[in-house]
């Protein structure tokens, strides 16, 4: 338990530093593109990133399935099996790299049909796309198995630290290129260079830390079949996630053009940055939870699940409240009124954010228990429904329609049915209906806290009538204090509060002892 806690705490803090960099510098980079080149270039960046995210098979199951398959041999110290798994992983990824390049190249003739309106005159659409494709495919051929090895051994802190240093170099180089040369091609060309450097550093670190773990041997057909089944289940899940997060941008580009996709992507960037920052919590304890599911009794894991869900809902609710109150003042200060969405879109983004967070802890335990295959029909239906609703509602209602489509499928199919799978196949003797009621109570509490905080912020604005910067600062201070006081008042007698305090202080003591 102590080892898992220390690993989780170390991973959280390394990931925290990494996320700060990955939020701050892309924000500076996006700002530089808007003011140095124009919103159309930012729209191109968002469009190509979305297209290649759909094609990007590196997250379609093999990595997660391999990490899951290594939990038991790592617990048993079975290095022969670990080496064999690494050999399979390396082979599969090289095959996928070839497939990605082939499929990516076949899309070249269709690129012009994905953009409504004109492309900037100095841009060759096809050359730019090839640079993006090169960066996306490069990682498949460069030590991908070593990344999974570090994750399985609960050393994602090493991955975070390497990514932090490489990303710092990447964004500083891009910003310099943009302001000194104003060349968008060089701005994009730095991506594959940094991808090569990052993967090389990961290989060296993993080889130094685990010199006796390398690609060698073969696994049995039974084990290979189990991994394939997990891969299929995760692949369907990731395809569903891609349809939710990336087709939105593509459809906006087709219906509304590059400027609209730039506006949408700015709001989405803020929302997903906060979510990724928050997602550090479940992501950093992923291996520890997997280890606990493999070793600990079901009741203990269920109690841990409920406590984690309670803590995460509190933090998620605070972040949602901050978005409700700070979204528009921040966007006005950042990009100006001409690149802002109406308040209706902001509220839809906040609801999207709340539902996205509500599924994180459930997904954590679903992954730890290896339940990907059981949700295969759900993710197929969700992906198809989301795509159909995106095209339909997006055509009639624009950006709001696309957000509503995503919210509907996420709520009914992604969130609800996803939770049912965990309770039906893992927490078998626990009440799923009771869990749904608790979720609804959390969401209603978040809505009430956000509404009260928003009203107080508007009241303060009406009294002082400050400029944009001071308004944002005052609202930020209100959002730090008011929501947490309200949540403390609501949850002071909550049944999971005691265990939440224990988990918090154990993590805090782990950090203190580590520093000593």
Foldseek 3Di string as FASTA:
>chain_A
DLVLLLLLLLLLVLLLLLLVLVLVLVLVVLLLCCVLPRLLLLLLVLQLVLVVLLLQCPQLFLLLLLLLLCLVCVVVVVQQVLLQSLQVLLVVLVVSLVVSVVVLVVCQVVVVLLAPDDHPPVDDSNLQSVLVSLLSSVLSNFQPSLCSVCVSVSNCSQLSNLSSVLSVVLSVVLSCCCVVPVDVSVSSNSRNVSSNVSSVSSVVVSCVVCVPRHHDDHDDPVSVVLSVLLSLLSSLVSSLVSLLPRVLSSLLRNQPGSLLSSLVVVLVSVLVSVVSSLLSNLSSSLSVLLNCLVPPDQVVNVLVLVLVLVVSLLVLLLVLLLQLQQVVLVCCVRPRDVSHDDSLLSVLSSLLSNLVSNCSSLVSLCSSVSVSNVCNVLSVVLSVQLNVQSNVQCNVPNSSSNSVSSSVSSVPRVRLVSNVSCCVPRVPPDDSVVVVVVSVVSVVLSVVQSVVLNVVLVVVCVVPVDDSVVSSVVSVVSSVPRSVVSVCVVCVPPPSPVVNVVSVVSSVVSVVVVVD
